[in-house]
Amino acid sequence: MSAILHGQPGAGEPRTVKVWDILVRLFHWSFAACFALAWLTAESERFRDVHVALGYTMAGLVAFRLLWGLVGTRHARFASFVRGPAAVARYLRSLLAGRPEHHVGHNPAGAVAIVLMLATAAAAIATGWATYNDLGGEWLEEAHEFLAGLLLALVGVHLAGVAVASWLHRENLVRAMLTGRKAAGGDGA
């Protein structure tokens, strides 16, 4: 256990545990960068090929994350963090009460955001591909734009959730997604 926990009790530094493997972290930051750049290049004819390449890259990233969610490391697997509505409601109530449940991996509300972002990204990618290949007309292009806007809104909710959870748990979740390490304790999930 000492191999995965760091910091000395009583030394002022909390014990941490490795939560997110390098592949999850590379996926996370690559997906964020691709989406940001795709959003910025969406209205430019000059950068249309860049936008399309970013879409294909995101398709590969989503496919990887879905696979890694099934066979990846403990905290990467969907089975370790996707919970039912009761768990999500309980977690949200604990947040509102100012005593949030601590989850070493993703919390139940974060899990909902992840699933929604992956599903919305997949739909945006599919409609973008179809639009690029002239398969559906203007309604499909509008659907693509709507889904991209929805994904942007979900990213905003995700960022707000990260900020709130970081503040309430007194831990830096952005640093955790960079280093892969989070505070030990909680439910172990």
Protein backbone atom coordinates (compact mmCIF):
# COMPACT_ATOMS: atom_id res chain seq x y z
CA MET A 1 0.00 0.00 0.00
CA SER A 2 2.87 2.38 0.68
CA ALA A 3 3.73 2.15 -3.02
CA ILE A 4 0.53 3.92 -4.00
CA LEU A 5 0.03 6.25 -1.07
CA HIS A 6 2.25 9.28 -0.71
CA GLY A 7 2.74 11.92 1.94
CA GLN A 8 3.44 11.28 5.56
CA PRO A 9 0.51 11.39 7.97
CA GLY A 10 0.95 14.38 10.22
CA ALA A 11 3.50 15.95 7.86
CA GLY A 12 0.91 18.44 6.55
CA GLU A 13 0.61 16.73 3.17
CA PRO A 14 -2.44 14.57 2.51
CA ARG A 15 -2.04 10.97 1.42
CA THR A 16 -2.73 10.48 -2.26
CA VAL A 17 -3.55 7.54 -4.43
CA LYS A 18 -3.05 7.01 -8.17
CA VAL A 19 -6.51 7.29 -9.73
CA TRP A 20 -6.27 8.22 -13.40
CA ASP A 21 -3.79 6.38 -15.59
CA ILE A 22 -1.81 8.14 -18.28
CA LEU A 23 -4.19 7.00 -21.04
CA VAL A 24 -7.23 8.55 -19.30
CA ARG A 25 -5.32 11.79 -18.79
CA LEU A 26 -4.04 11.89 -22.38
CA PHE A 27 -7.58 11.22 -23.61
CA HIS A 28 -9.00 13.98 -21.37
CA TRP A 29 -6.60 16.73 -22.42
CA SER A 30 -6.51 15.65 -26.09
CA PHE A 31 -10.30 15.60 -26.24
CA ALA A 32 -10.48 19.05 -24.60
CA ALA A 33 -7.92 20.49 -27.03
CA CYS A 34 -9.58 18.92 -30.09
CA PHE A 35 -13.01 20.17 -29.11
CA ALA A 36 -11.75 23.69 -28.38
CA LEU A 37 -9.93 23.86 -31.71
CA ALA A 38 -12.87 22.32 -33.59
CA TRP A 39 -15.16 24.92 -32.05
CA LEU A 40 -12.79 27.73 -33.05
CA THR A 41 -12.46 26.49 -36.64
CA ALA A 42 -16.14 25.64 -37.18
CA GLU A 43 -17.11 28.76 -39.14
CA SER A 44 -13.95 29.11 -41.20
CA GLU A 45 -13.78 27.83 -44.79
CA ARG A 46 -10.03 28.39 -44.65
CA PHE A 47 -9.69 25.94 -41.74
CA ARG A 48 -12.36 23.47 -42.84
CA ASP A 49 -9.81 20.67 -43.35
CA VAL A 50 -8.43 21.33 -39.86
CA HIS A 51 -11.96 21.19 -38.44
CA VAL A 52 -12.63 17.89 -40.22
CA ALA A 53 -9.29 16.40 -39.07
CA LEU A 54 -10.13 17.40 -35.51
CA GLY A 55 -13.51 15.68 -35.87
CA TYR A 56 -11.86 12.46 -37.03
CA THR A 57 -9.37 12.72 -34.16
CA MET A 58 -12.24 13.18 -31.71
CA ALA A 59 -13.96 10.12 -33.22
CA GLY A 60 -10.86 8.08 -32.50
CA LEU A 61 -10.62 9.49 -29.00
CA VAL A 62 -14.28 8.69 -28.23
CA ALA A 63 -13.85 5.16 -29.58
CA PHE A 64 -10.74 4.72 -27.43
CA ARG A 65 -12.51 6.03 -24.30
CA LEU A 66 -15.48 3.73 -24.81
CA LEU A 67 -13.14 0.75 -25.14
CA TRP A 68 -11.00 1.86 -22.19
CA GLY A 69 -14.19 2.32 -20.17
CA LEU A 70 -14.83 -1.39 -20.60
CA VAL A 71 -11.34 -2.90 -20.26
CA GLY A 72 -9.17 -0.17 -18.76
CA THR A 73 -7.74 0.36 -15.32
CA ARG A 74 -9.97 0.32 -12.25
CA HIS A 75 -10.98 3.98 -12.11
CA ALA A 76 -11.20 4.25 -15.93
CA ARG A 77 -13.88 1.55 -16.19
CA PHE A 78 -17.46 2.77 -16.41
CA ALA A 79 -18.51 0.01 -14.01
CA SER A 80 -16.44 1.69 -11.27
CA PHE A 81 -18.13 5.09 -11.45
CA VAL A 82 -21.39 5.07 -13.44
CA ARG A 83 -24.20 4.76 -10.91
CA GLY A 84 -27.97 4.97 -10.98
CA PRO A 85 -30.22 8.00 -10.40
CA ALA A 86 -30.44 7.36 -6.63
CA ALA A 87 -26.66 7.64 -6.24
CA VAL A 88 -26.60 10.83 -8.34
CA ALA A 89 -29.43 12.37 -6.27
CA ARG A 90 -27.72 11.37 -3.00
CA TYR A 91 -24.45 12.93 -4.17
CA LEU A 92 -26.16 16.16 -5.27
CA ARG A 93 -28.00 16.37 -1.91
CA SER A 94 -24.68 15.96 -0.09
CA LEU A 95 -23.25 18.81 -2.19
CA LEU A 96 -26.19 21.09 -1.37
CA ALA A 97 -25.82 20.24 2.31
CA GLY A 98 -22.17 21.33 2.15
CA ARG A 99 -20.94 17.84 3.13
CA PRO A 100 -20.24 16.19 -0.20
CA GLU A 101 -19.56 12.48 -0.38
CA HIS A 102 -15.91 11.91 -1.27
CA HIS A 103 -15.21 9.59 -4.17
CA VAL A 104 -11.64 8.67 -5.01
CA GLY A 105 -12.62 8.25 -8.67
CA HIS A 106 -15.35 10.13 -10.50
CA ASN A 107 -18.37 11.07 -8.38
CA PRO A 108 -21.88 10.08 -9.59
CA ALA A 109 -22.65 13.55 -10.98
CA GLY A 110 -19.33 13.61 -12.81
CA ALA A 111 -20.18 10.22 -14.27
CA VAL A 112 -23.41 11.63 -15.74
CA ALA A 113 -21.44 14.50 -17.28
CA ILE A 114 -18.90 12.08 -18.79
CA VAL A 115 -21.56 9.83 -20.31
CA LEU A 116 -23.48 12.82 -21.70
CA MET A 117 -20.33 14.40 -23.14
CA LEU A 118 -19.26 11.15 -24.81
CA ALA A 119 -22.73 10.52 -26.25
CA THR A 120 -23.13 14.11 -27.44
CA ALA A 121 -19.64 14.12 -28.95
CA ALA A 122 -20.39 10.87 -30.80
CA ALA A 123 -23.61 12.34 -32.20
CA ALA A 124 -21.87 15.60 -33.16
CA ILE A 125 -19.10 13.66 -34.88
CA ALA A 126 -21.59 11.50 -36.79
CA THR A 127 -23.63 14.49 -37.95
CA GLY A 128 -20.44 16.37 -38.84
CA TRP A 129 -19.22 13.43 -40.92
CA ALA A 130 -22.58 13.15 -42.67
CA THR A 131 -22.67 16.89 -43.33
CA TYR A 132 -19.12 16.88 -44.71
CA ASN A 133 -20.11 14.05 -47.05
CA ASP A 134 -23.34 15.79 -48.17
CA LEU A 135 -25.56 13.00 -46.85
CA GLY A 136 -28.36 14.87 -45.14
CA GLY A 137 -28.86 18.44 -46.19
CA GLU A 138 -29.22 21.57 -44.13
CA TRP A 139 -31.16 19.94 -41.27
CA LEU A 140 -28.16 17.70 -40.57
CA GLU A 141 -25.79 20.66 -40.52
CA GLU A 142 -28.14 22.37 -38.05
CA ALA A 143 -28.23 19.21 -35.94
CA HIS A 144 -24.41 19.16 -35.96
CA GLU A 145 -24.28 22.78 -34.82
CA PHE A 146 -26.90 22.14 -32.13
CA LEU A 147 -24.98 19.12 -30.81
CA ALA A 148 -21.71 21.09 -30.80
CA GLY A 149 -23.46 23.83 -28.78
CA LEU A 150 -24.90 21.22 -26.42
CA LEU A 151 -21.43 19.72 -25.96
CA LEU A 152 -20.07 23.19 -25.18
CA ALA A 153 -22.81 23.63 -22.56
CA LEU A 154 -21.96 20.21 -21.05
CA VAL A 155 -18.30 21.20 -20.92
CA GLY A 156 -19.37 24.34 -19.04
CA VAL A 157 -21.36 22.24 -16.56
CA HIS A 158 -18.37 19.92 -16.21
CA LEU A 159 -16.02 22.83 -15.51
CA ALA A 160 -18.45 24.31 -12.98
CA GLY A 161 -18.76 20.90 -11.31
CA VAL A 162 -14.97 20.57 -11.13
CA ALA A 163 -14.71 24.03 -9.56
CA VAL A 164 -17.47 23.36 -7.00
CA ALA A 165 -16.17 19.90 -6.11
CA SER A 166 -12.59 21.20 -5.84
CA TRP A 167 -13.74 23.93 -3.48
CA LEU A 168 -16.03 21.76 -1.34
CA HIS A 169 -13.58 18.84 -1.13
CA ARG A 170 -10.61 21.17 -0.71
CA GLU A 171 -8.68 19.38 -3.43
CA ASN A 172 -7.39 20.53 -6.79
CA LEU A 173 -9.15 18.30 -9.34
CA VAL A 174 -7.39 19.96 -12.27
CA ARG A 175 -4.03 19.02 -10.76
CA ALA A 176 -5.39 15.51 -10.16
CA MET A 177 -6.22 15.20 -13.87
CA LEU A 178 -2.66 16.32 -14.67
CA THR A 179 -0.86 14.08 -12.17
CA GLY A 180 -3.35 11.23 -11.93
CA ARG A 181 -3.32 11.44 -8.11
CA LYS A 182 -6.14 12.36 -5.72
CA ALA A 183 -6.55 12.47 -1.97
CA ALA A 184 -6.95 9.02 -0.45
CA GLY A 185 -10.05 8.19 1.53
CA GLY A 186 -13.73 8.25 0.77
CA ASP A 187 -15.49 5.22 -0.63
CA GLY A 188 -12.55 3.90 -2.57
CA ALA A 189 -14.59 4.00 -5.76
